[in-house]
């Protein structure tokens, strides 16, 4: 199957977490046939984590593991969609 890279990312899941005054967005997006899991800081607009998957299940499992690790590190969920 041909992978397309010119397609705009479509957000599938997005969580916003906070720790003190810091905010972090963790998201799953679909671009063509790829799924991307990312963590983006709000202040500096810097991606801390980006990983690509070719299957949705693996992407959602990775996102869940990332959120669990962040919660164990003291981050709290403040919004999701």
PDB file of N, CA and C in Angstrom:
ATOM      1  N   UNK A   1       0.840  -1.167   0.000  1.00  0.00           N
ATOM      2  CA  UNK A   1       0.000   0.000   0.000  1.00  0.00           C
ATOM      3  C   UNK A   1       0.891   1.238   0.000  1.00  0.00           C
ATOM      4  N   UNK A   2       0.570   2.214  -0.816  1.00  0.00           N
ATOM      5  CA  UNK A   2       1.366   3.427  -0.940  1.00  0.00           C
ATOM      6  C   UNK A   2       1.123   4.362   0.242  1.00  0.00           C
ATOM      7  N   UNK A   3       2.195   4.872   0.814  1.00  0.00           N
ATOM      8  CA  UNK A   3       2.106   5.822   1.921  1.00  0.00           C
ATOM      9  C   UNK A   3       2.027   7.228   1.350  1.00  0.00           C
ATOM     10  N   UNK A   4       1.087   8.013   1.828  1.00  0.00           N
ATOM     11  CA  UNK A   4       0.956   9.384   1.346  1.00  0.00           C
ATOM     12  C   UNK A   4       1.462  10.337   2.408  1.00  0.00           C
ATOM     13  N   UNK A   5       2.244  11.346   1.993  1.00  0.00           N
ATOM     14  CA  UNK A   5       2.786  12.297   2.957  1.00  0.00           C
ATOM     15  C   UNK A   5       2.220  13.697   2.761  1.00  0.00           C
ATOM     16  N   UNK A   6       1.466  13.932   1.690  1.00  0.00           N
ATOM     17  CA  UNK A   6       0.942  15.270   1.434  1.00  0.00           C
ATOM     18  C   UNK A   6      -0.425  15.507   2.080  1.00  0.00           C
ATOM     19  N   UNK A   7      -0.942  14.529   2.774  1.00  0.00           N
ATOM     20  CA  UNK A   7      -2.232  14.637   3.437  1.00  0.00           C
ATOM     21  C   UNK A   7      -2.050  15.353   4.777  1.00  0.00           C
ATOM     22  N   UNK A   8      -2.963  16.252   5.118  1.00  0.00           N
ATOM     23  CA  UNK A   8      -2.888  16.969   6.397  1.00  0.00           C
ATOM     24  C   UNK A   8      -3.188  16.028   7.556  1.00  0.00           C
ATOM     25  N   UNK A   9      -2.508  16.226   8.689  1.00  0.00           N
ATOM     26  CA  UNK A   9      -2.779  15.391   9.863  1.00  0.00           C
ATOM     27  C   UNK A   9      -4.203  15.594  10.372  1.00  0.00           C
ATOM     28  N   UNK A  10      -4.834  14.501  10.776  1.00  0.00           N
ATOM     29  CA  UNK A  10      -6.177  14.558  11.351  1.00  0.00           C
ATOM     30  C   UNK A  10      -6.089  14.111  12.805  1.00  0.00           C
ATOM     31  N   UNK A  11      -6.414  15.010  13.747  1.00  0.00           N
ATOM     32  CA  UNK A  11      -6.336  14.643  15.163  1.00  0.00           C
ATOM     33  C   UNK A  11      -7.376  13.576  15.517  1.00  0.00           C
ATOM     34  N   UNK A  12      -6.952  12.557  16.246  1.00  0.00           N
ATOM     35  CA  UNK A  12      -7.854  11.493  16.692  1.00  0.00           C
ATOM     36  C   UNK A  12      -8.071  11.531  18.200  1.00  0.00           C
ATOM     37  N   UNK A  13      -7.036  11.917  18.935  1.00  0.00           N
ATOM     38  CA  UNK A  13      -7.099  11.951  20.394  1.00  0.00           C
ATOM     39  C   UNK A  13      -6.098  12.973  20.888  1.00  0.00           C
ATOM     40  N   UNK A  14      -6.504  13.788  21.850  1.00  0.00           N
ATOM     41  CA  UNK A  14      -5.602  14.817  22.380  1.00  0.00           C
ATOM     42  C   UNK A  14      -5.867  14.994  23.869  1.00  0.00           C
ATOM     43  N   UNK A  15      -4.818  14.906  24.666  1.00  0.00           N
ATOM     44  CA  UNK A  15      -4.895  15.130  26.100  1.00  0.00           C
ATOM     45  C   UNK A  15      -3.998  16.303  26.453  1.00  0.00           C
ATOM     46  N   UNK A  16      -4.453  17.157  27.346  1.00  0.00           N
ATOM     47  CA  UNK A  16      -3.623  18.232  27.886  1.00  0.00           C
ATOM     48  C   UNK A  16      -3.365  17.909  29.347  1.00  0.00           C
ATOM     49  N   UNK A  17      -2.099  17.956  29.733  1.00  0.00           N
ATOM     50  CA  UNK A  17      -1.698  17.662  31.103  1.00  0.00           C
ATOM     51  C   UNK A  17      -0.969  18.860  31.677  1.00  0.00           C
ATOM     52  N   UNK A  18      -0.988  18.964  33.014  1.00  0.00           N
ATOM     53  CA  UNK A  18      -0.253  20.049  33.659  1.00  0.00           C
ATOM     54  C   UNK A  18       0.513  19.513  34.852  1.00  0.00           C
ATOM     55  N   UNK A  19       1.595  20.227  35.156  1.00  0.00           N
ATOM     56  CA  UNK A  19       2.395  19.981  36.360  1.00  0.00           C
ATOM     57  C   UNK A  19       2.903  21.343  36.771  1.00  0.00           C
ATOM     58  N   UNK A  20       2.344  21.854  37.852  1.00  0.00           N
ATOM     59  CA  UNK A  20       2.655  23.229  38.235  1.00  0.00           C
ATOM     60  C   UNK A  20       2.101  24.169  37.176  1.00  0.00           C
ATOM     61  N   UNK A  21       2.952  25.022  36.621  1.00  0.00           N
ATOM     62  CA  UNK A  21       2.530  25.954  35.566  1.00  0.00           C
ATOM     63  C   UNK A  21       2.833  25.430  34.168  1.00  0.00           C
ATOM     64  N   UNK A  22       3.422  24.240  34.085  1.00  0.00           N
ATOM     65  CA  UNK A  22       3.764  23.664  32.781  1.00  0.00           C
ATOM     66  C   UNK A  22       2.556  22.971  32.153  1.00  0.00           C
ATOM     67  N   UNK A  23       2.392  23.100  30.848  1.00  0.00           N
ATOM     68  CA  UNK A  23       1.347  22.400  30.109  1.00  0.00           C
ATOM     69  C   UNK A  23       1.980  21.565  29.013  1.00  0.00           C
ATOM     70  N   UNK A  24       1.379  20.417  28.768  1.00  0.00           N
ATOM     71  CA  UNK A  24       1.875  19.477  27.775  1.00  0.00           C
ATOM     72  C   UNK A  24       0.685  18.871  27.050  1.00  0.00           C
ATOM     73  N   UNK A  25       0.745  18.794  25.732  1.00  0.00           N
ATOM     74  CA  UNK A  25      -0.304  18.143  24.948  1.00  0.00           C
ATOM     75  C   UNK A  25       0.244  16.845  24.385  1.00  0.00           C
ATOM     76  N   UNK A  26      -0.478  15.757  24.609  1.00  0.00           N
ATOM     77  CA  UNK A  26      -0.144  14.453  24.043  1.00  0.00           C
ATOM     78  C   UNK A  26      -1.250  14.096  23.064  1.00  0.00           C
ATOM     79  N   UNK A  27      -0.867  13.732  21.845  1.00  0.00           N
ATOM     80  CA  UNK A  27      -1.870  13.533  20.805  1.00  0.00           C
ATOM     81  C   UNK A  27      -1.582  12.305  19.955  1.00  0.00           C
ATOM     82  N   UNK A  28      -2.666  11.797  19.342  1.00  0.00           N
ATOM     83  CA  UNK A  28      -2.574  10.793  18.288  1.00  0.00           C
ATOM     84  C   UNK A  28      -3.196  11.438  17.057  1.00  0.00           C
ATOM     85  N   UNK A  29      -2.447  11.444  15.965  1.00  0.00           N
ATOM     86  CA  UNK A  29      -2.935  12.012  14.708  1.00  0.00           C
ATOM     87  C   UNK A  29      -2.755  10.992  13.592  1.00  0.00           C
ATOM     88  N   UNK A  30      -3.612  11.107  12.598  1.00  0.00           N
ATOM     89  CA  UNK A  30      -3.495  10.238  11.428  1.00  0.00           C
ATOM     90  C   UNK A  30      -3.161  11.105  10.216  1.00  0.00           C
ATOM     91  N   UNK A  31      -2.125  10.702   9.499  1.00  0.00           N
ATOM     92  CA  UNK A  31      -1.728  11.365   8.263  1.00  0.00           C
ATOM     93  C   UNK A  31      -1.608  10.284   7.195  1.00  0.00           C
ATOM     94  N   UNK A  32      -2.559  10.261   6.289  1.00  0.00           N
ATOM     95  CA  UNK A  32      -2.550   9.201   5.285  1.00  0.00           C
ATOM     96  C   UNK A  32      -2.711   7.851   5.954  1.00  0.00           C
ATOM     97  N   UNK A  33      -1.733   6.984   5.771  1.00  0.00           N
ATOM     98  CA  UNK A  33      -1.766   5.642   6.363  1.00  0.00           C
ATOM     99  C   UNK A  33      -0.993   5.551   7.671  1.00  0.00           C
ATOM    100  N   UNK A  34      -0.403   6.671   8.115  1.00  0.00           N
ATOM    101  CA  UNK A  34       0.421   6.675   9.322  1.00  0.00           C
ATOM    102  C   UNK A  34      -0.331   7.251  10.513  1.00  0.00           C
ATOM    103  N   UNK A  35       0.041   6.787  11.697  1.00  0.00           N
ATOM    104  CA  UNK A  35      -0.459   7.323  12.959  1.00  0.00           C
ATOM    105  C   UNK A  35       0.746   7.869  13.712  1.00  0.00           C
ATOM    106  N   UNK A  36       0.630   9.062  14.249  1.00  0.00           N
ATOM    107  CA  UNK A  36       1.730   9.693  14.971  1.00  0.00           C
ATOM    108  C   UNK A  36       1.298   9.981  16.405  1.00  0.00           C
ATOM    109  N   UNK A  37       2.132   9.580  17.345  1.00  0.00           N
ATOM    110  CA  UNK A  37       1.931   9.900  18.757  1.00  0.00           C
ATOM    111  C   UNK A  37       2.975  10.956  19.098  1.00  0.00           C
ATOM    112  N   UNK A  38       2.520  12.060  19.709  1.00  0.00           N
ATOM    113  CA  UNK A  38       3.461  13.134  20.016  1.00  0.00           C
ATOM    114  C   UNK A  38       3.141  13.773  21.361  1.00  0.00           C
ATOM    115  N   UNK A  39       4.164  14.402  21.937  1.00  0.00           N
ATOM    116  CA  UNK A  39       4.025  15.214  23.145  1.00  0.00           C
ATOM    117  C   UNK A  39       4.642  16.565  22.828  1.00  0.00           C
ATOM    118  N   UNK A  40       3.874  17.626  23.057  1.00  0.00           N
ATOM    119  CA  UNK A  40       4.278  18.982  22.697  1.00  0.00           C
ATOM    120  C   UNK A  40       4.158  19.890  23.907  1.00  0.00           C
ATOM    121  N   UNK A  41       5.239  20.629  24.226  1.00  0.00           N
ATOM    122  CA  UNK A  41       5.175  21.597  25.313  1.00  0.00           C
ATOM    123  C   UNK A  41       4.413  22.824  24.835  1.00  0.00           C
ATOM    124  N   UNK A  42       3.741  23.507  25.732  1.00  0.00           N
ATOM    125  CA  UNK A  42       2.965  24.689  25.352  1.00  0.00           C
ATOM    126  C   UNK A  42       3.812  25.940  25.338  1.00  0.00           C
ATOM    127  N   UNK A  43       4.694  26.114  26.320  1.00  0.00           N
ATOM    128  CA  UNK A  43       5.475  27.341  26.424  1.00  0.00           C
ATOM    129  C   UNK A  43       6.442  27.544  25.274  1.00  0.00           C
ATOM    130  N   UNK A  44       7.228  26.536  24.976  1.00  0.00           N
ATOM    131  CA  UNK A  44       8.259  26.665  23.953  1.00  0.00           C
ATOM    132  C   UNK A  44       7.823  26.060  22.620  1.00  0.00           C
ATOM    133  N   UNK A  45       6.628  25.486  22.572  1.00  0.00           N
ATOM    134  CA  UNK A  45       6.122  24.826  21.369  1.00  0.00           C
ATOM    135  C   UNK A  45       7.160  23.855  20.806  1.00  0.00           C
ATOM    136  N   UNK A  46       7.667  23.006  21.687  1.00  0.00           N
ATOM    137  CA  UNK A  46       8.697  22.036  21.338  1.00  0.00           C
ATOM    138  C   UNK A  46       8.143  20.633  21.453  1.00  0.00           C
ATOM    139  N   UNK A  47       8.401  19.821  20.458  1.00  0.00           N
ATOM    140  CA  UNK A  47       7.995  18.417  20.528  1.00  0.00           C
ATOM    141  C   UNK A  47       9.018  17.648  21.349  1.00  0.00           C
ATOM    142  N   UNK A  48       8.529  17.018  22.402  1.00  0.00           N
ATOM    143  CA  UNK A  48       9.398  16.237  23.273  1.00  0.00           C
ATOM    144  C   UNK A  48       9.460  14.778  22.849  1.00  0.00           C
ATOM    145  N   UNK A  49       8.423  14.346  22.167  1.00  0.00           N
ATOM    146  CA  UNK A  49       8.295  12.938  21.822  1.00  0.00           C
ATOM    147  C   UNK A  49       7.499  12.838  20.532  1.00  0.00           C
ATOM    148  N   UNK A  50       7.998  12.093  19.578  1.00  0.00           N
ATOM    149  CA  UNK A  50       7.260  11.821  18.346  1.00  0.00           C
ATOM    150  C   UNK A  50       7.578  10.392  17.926  1.00  0.00           C
ATOM    151  N   UNK A  51       6.535   9.611  17.691  1.00  0.00           N
ATOM    152  CA  UNK A  51       6.730   8.244  17.230  1.00  0.00           C
ATOM    153  C   UNK A  51       5.658   7.930  16.197  1.00  0.00           C
ATOM    154  N   UNK A  52       6.042   7.253  15.132  1.00  0.00           N
ATOM    155  CA  UNK A  52       5.138   6.928  14.031  1.00  0.00           C
ATOM    156  C   UNK A  52       4.785   5.444  14.027  1.00  0.00           C
ATOM    157  N   UNK A  53       3.530   5.161  13.694  1.00  0.00           N
ATOM    158  CA  UNK A  53       3.044   3.784  13.648  1.00  0.00           C
ATOM    159  C   UNK A  53       2.259   3.567  12.365  1.00  0.00           C
ATOM    160  N   UNK A  54       2.199   2.328  11.914  1.00  0.00           N
ATOM    161  CA  UNK A  54       1.373   2.031  10.745  1.00  0.00           C
ATOM    162  C   UNK A  54       0.067   1.337  11.134  1.00  0.00           C
ATOM    163  N   UNK A  55      -0.157   1.159  12.436  1.00  0.00           N
ATOM    164  CA  UNK A  55      -1.396   0.554  12.928  1.00  0.00           C
ATOM    165  C   UNK A  55      -1.973   1.403  14.062  1.00  0.00           C
ATOM    166  N   UNK A  56      -3.274   1.612  14.026  1.00  0.00           N
ATOM    167  CA  UNK A  56      -3.919   2.461  15.031  1.00  0.00           C
ATOM    168  C   UNK A  56      -3.807   1.867  16.437  1.00  0.00           C
ATOM    169  N   UNK A  57      -3.953   0.557  16.573  1.00  0.00           N
ATOM    170  CA  UNK A  57      -3.902  -0.064  17.894  1.00  0.00           C
ATOM    171  C   UNK A  57      -2.557   0.219  18.569  1.00  0.00           C
ATOM    172  N   UNK A  58      -1.479   0.061  17.849  1.00  0.00           N
ATOM    173  CA  UNK A  58      -0.149   0.319  18.413  1.00  0.00           C
ATOM    174  C   UNK A  58      -0.002   1.789  18.813  1.00  0.00           C
ATOM    175  N   UNK A  59      -0.541   2.693  18.013  1.00  0.00           N
ATOM    176  CA  UNK A  59      -0.458   4.123  18.323  1.00  0.00           C
ATOM    177  C   UNK A  59      -1.233   4.449  19.593  1.00  0.00           C
ATOM    178  N   UNK A  60      -2.451   3.930  19.715  1.00  0.00           N
ATOM    179  CA  UNK A  60      -3.257   4.205  20.910  1.00  0.00           C
ATOM    180  C   UNK A  60      -2.657   3.556  22.155  1.00  0.00           C
ATOM    181  N   UNK A  61      -2.062   2.383  22.017  1.00  0.00           N
ATOM    182  CA  UNK A  61      -1.392   1.750  23.151  1.00  0.00           C
ATOM    183  C   UNK A  61      -0.173   2.559  23.594  1.00  0.00           C
ATOM    184  N   UNK A  62       0.576   3.082  22.632  1.00  0.00           N
ATOM    185  CA  UNK A  62       1.731   3.916  22.949  1.00  0.00           C
ATOM    186  C   UNK A  62       1.299   5.203  23.656  1.00  0.00           C
ATOM    187  N   UNK A  63       0.211   5.807  23.180  1.00  0.00           N
ATOM    188  CA  UNK A  63      -0.317   7.017  23.805  1.00  0.00           C
ATOM    189  C   UNK A  63      -0.732   6.733  25.249  1.00  0.00           C
ATOM    190  N   UNK A  64      -1.414   5.628  25.472  1.00  0.00           N
ATOM    191  CA  UNK A  64      -1.853   5.261  26.826  1.00  0.00           C
ATOM    192  C   UNK A  64      -0.653   5.048  27.745  1.00  0.00           C
ATOM    193  N   UNK A  65       0.392   4.400  27.249  1.00  0.00           N
ATOM    194  CA  UNK A  65       1.592   4.168  28.056  1.00  0.00           C
ATOM    195  C   UNK A  65       2.289   5.498  28.368  1.00  0.00           C
ATOM    196  N   UNK A  66       2.330   6.397  27.395  1.00  0.00           N
ATOM    197  CA  UNK A  66       2.933   7.714  27.602  1.00  0.00           C
ATOM    198  C   UNK A  66       2.182   8.498  28.675  1.00  0.00           C
ATOM    199  N   UNK A  67       0.847   8.511  28.597  1.00  0.00           N
ATOM    200  CA  UNK A  67       0.025   9.211  29.592  1.00  0.00           C
ATOM    201  C   UNK A  67       0.242   8.606  30.980  1.00  0.00           C
ATOM    202  N   UNK A  68       0.279   7.278  31.065  1.00  0.00           N
ATOM    203  CA  UNK A  68       0.495   6.614  32.357  1.00  0.00           C
ATOM    204  C   UNK A  68       1.850   7.000  32.951  1.00  0.00           C
ATOM    205  N   UNK A  69       2.894   7.037  32.121  1.00  0.00           N
ATOM    206  CA  UNK A  69       4.227   7.428  32.601  1.00  0.00           C
ATOM    207  C   UNK A  69       4.228   8.872  33.097  1.00  0.00           C
ATOM    208  N   UNK A  70       3.563   9.750  32.358  1.00  0.00           N
ATOM    209  CA  UNK A  70       3.504  11.160  32.757  1.00  0.00           C
ATOM    210  C   UNK A  70       2.740  11.330  34.071  1.00  0.00           C
ATOM    211  N   UNK A  71       1.651  10.590  34.243  1.00  0.00           N
ATOM    212  CA  UNK A  71       0.900  10.670  35.508  1.00  0.00           C
ATOM    213  C   UNK A  71       1.742  10.205  36.680  1.00  0.00           C
ATOM    214  N   UNK A  72       2.521   9.136  36.484  1.00  0.00           N
ATOM    215  CA  UNK A  72       3.406   8.648  37.546  1.00  0.00           C
ATOM    216  C   UNK A  72       4.482   9.685  37.883  1.00  0.00           C
ATOM    217  N   UNK A  73       4.817  10.544  36.910  1.00  0.00           N
ATOM    218  CA  UNK A  73       5.826  11.584  37.116  1.00  0.00           C
ATOM    219  C   UNK A  73       5.223  12.879  37.679  1.00  0.00           C
ATOM    220  N   UNK A  74       3.918  12.845  38.019  1.00  0.00           N
ATOM    221  CA  UNK A  74       3.298  13.991  38.660  1.00  0.00           C
ATOM    222  C   UNK A  74       2.438  14.873  37.769  1.00  0.00           C
ATOM    223  N   UNK A  75       2.274  14.515  36.505  1.00  0.00           N
ATOM    224  CA  UNK A  75       1.425  15.291  35.605  1.00  0.00           C
ATOM    225  C   UNK A  75      -0.033  14.926  35.844  1.00  0.00           C
ATOM    226  N   UNK A  76      -0.936  15.908  35.703  1.00  0.00           N
ATOM    227  CA  UNK A  76      -2.379  15.681  35.890  1.00  0.00           C
ATOM    228  C   UNK A  76      -3.109  16.046  34.604  1.00  0.00           C
ATOM    229  N   UNK A  77      -4.121  15.254  34.259  1.00  0.00           N
ATOM    230  CA  UNK A  77      -4.944  15.538  33.081  1.00  0.00           C
ATOM    231  C   UNK A  77      -5.846  16.722  33.373  1.00  0.00           C
ATOM    232  N   UNK A  78      -5.916  17.680  32.436  1.00  0.00           N
ATOM    233  CA  UNK A  78      -6.796  18.841  32.613  1.00  0.00           C
ATOM    234  C   UNK A  78      -7.813  18.942  31.482  1.00  0.00           C
ATOM    235  N   UNK A  79      -7.576  18.284  30.351  1.00  0.00           N
ATOM    236  CA  UNK A  79      -8.529  18.316  29.238  1.00  0.00           C
ATOM    237  C   UNK A  79      -8.221  17.170  28.286  1.00  0.00           C
ATOM    238  N   UNK A  80      -9.255  16.739  27.558  1.00  0.00           N
ATOM    239  CA  UNK A  80      -9.065  15.737  26.511  1.00  0.00           C
ATOM    240  C   UNK A  80     -10.186  15.882  25.499  1.00  0.00           C
ATOM    241  N   UNK A  81      -9.910  15.394  24.298  1.00  0.00           N
ATOM    242  CA  UNK A  81     -10.929  15.317  23.259  1.00  0.00           C
ATOM    243  C   UNK A  81     -10.541  14.296  22.224  1.00  0.00           C
TER     244      UNK A  81
END
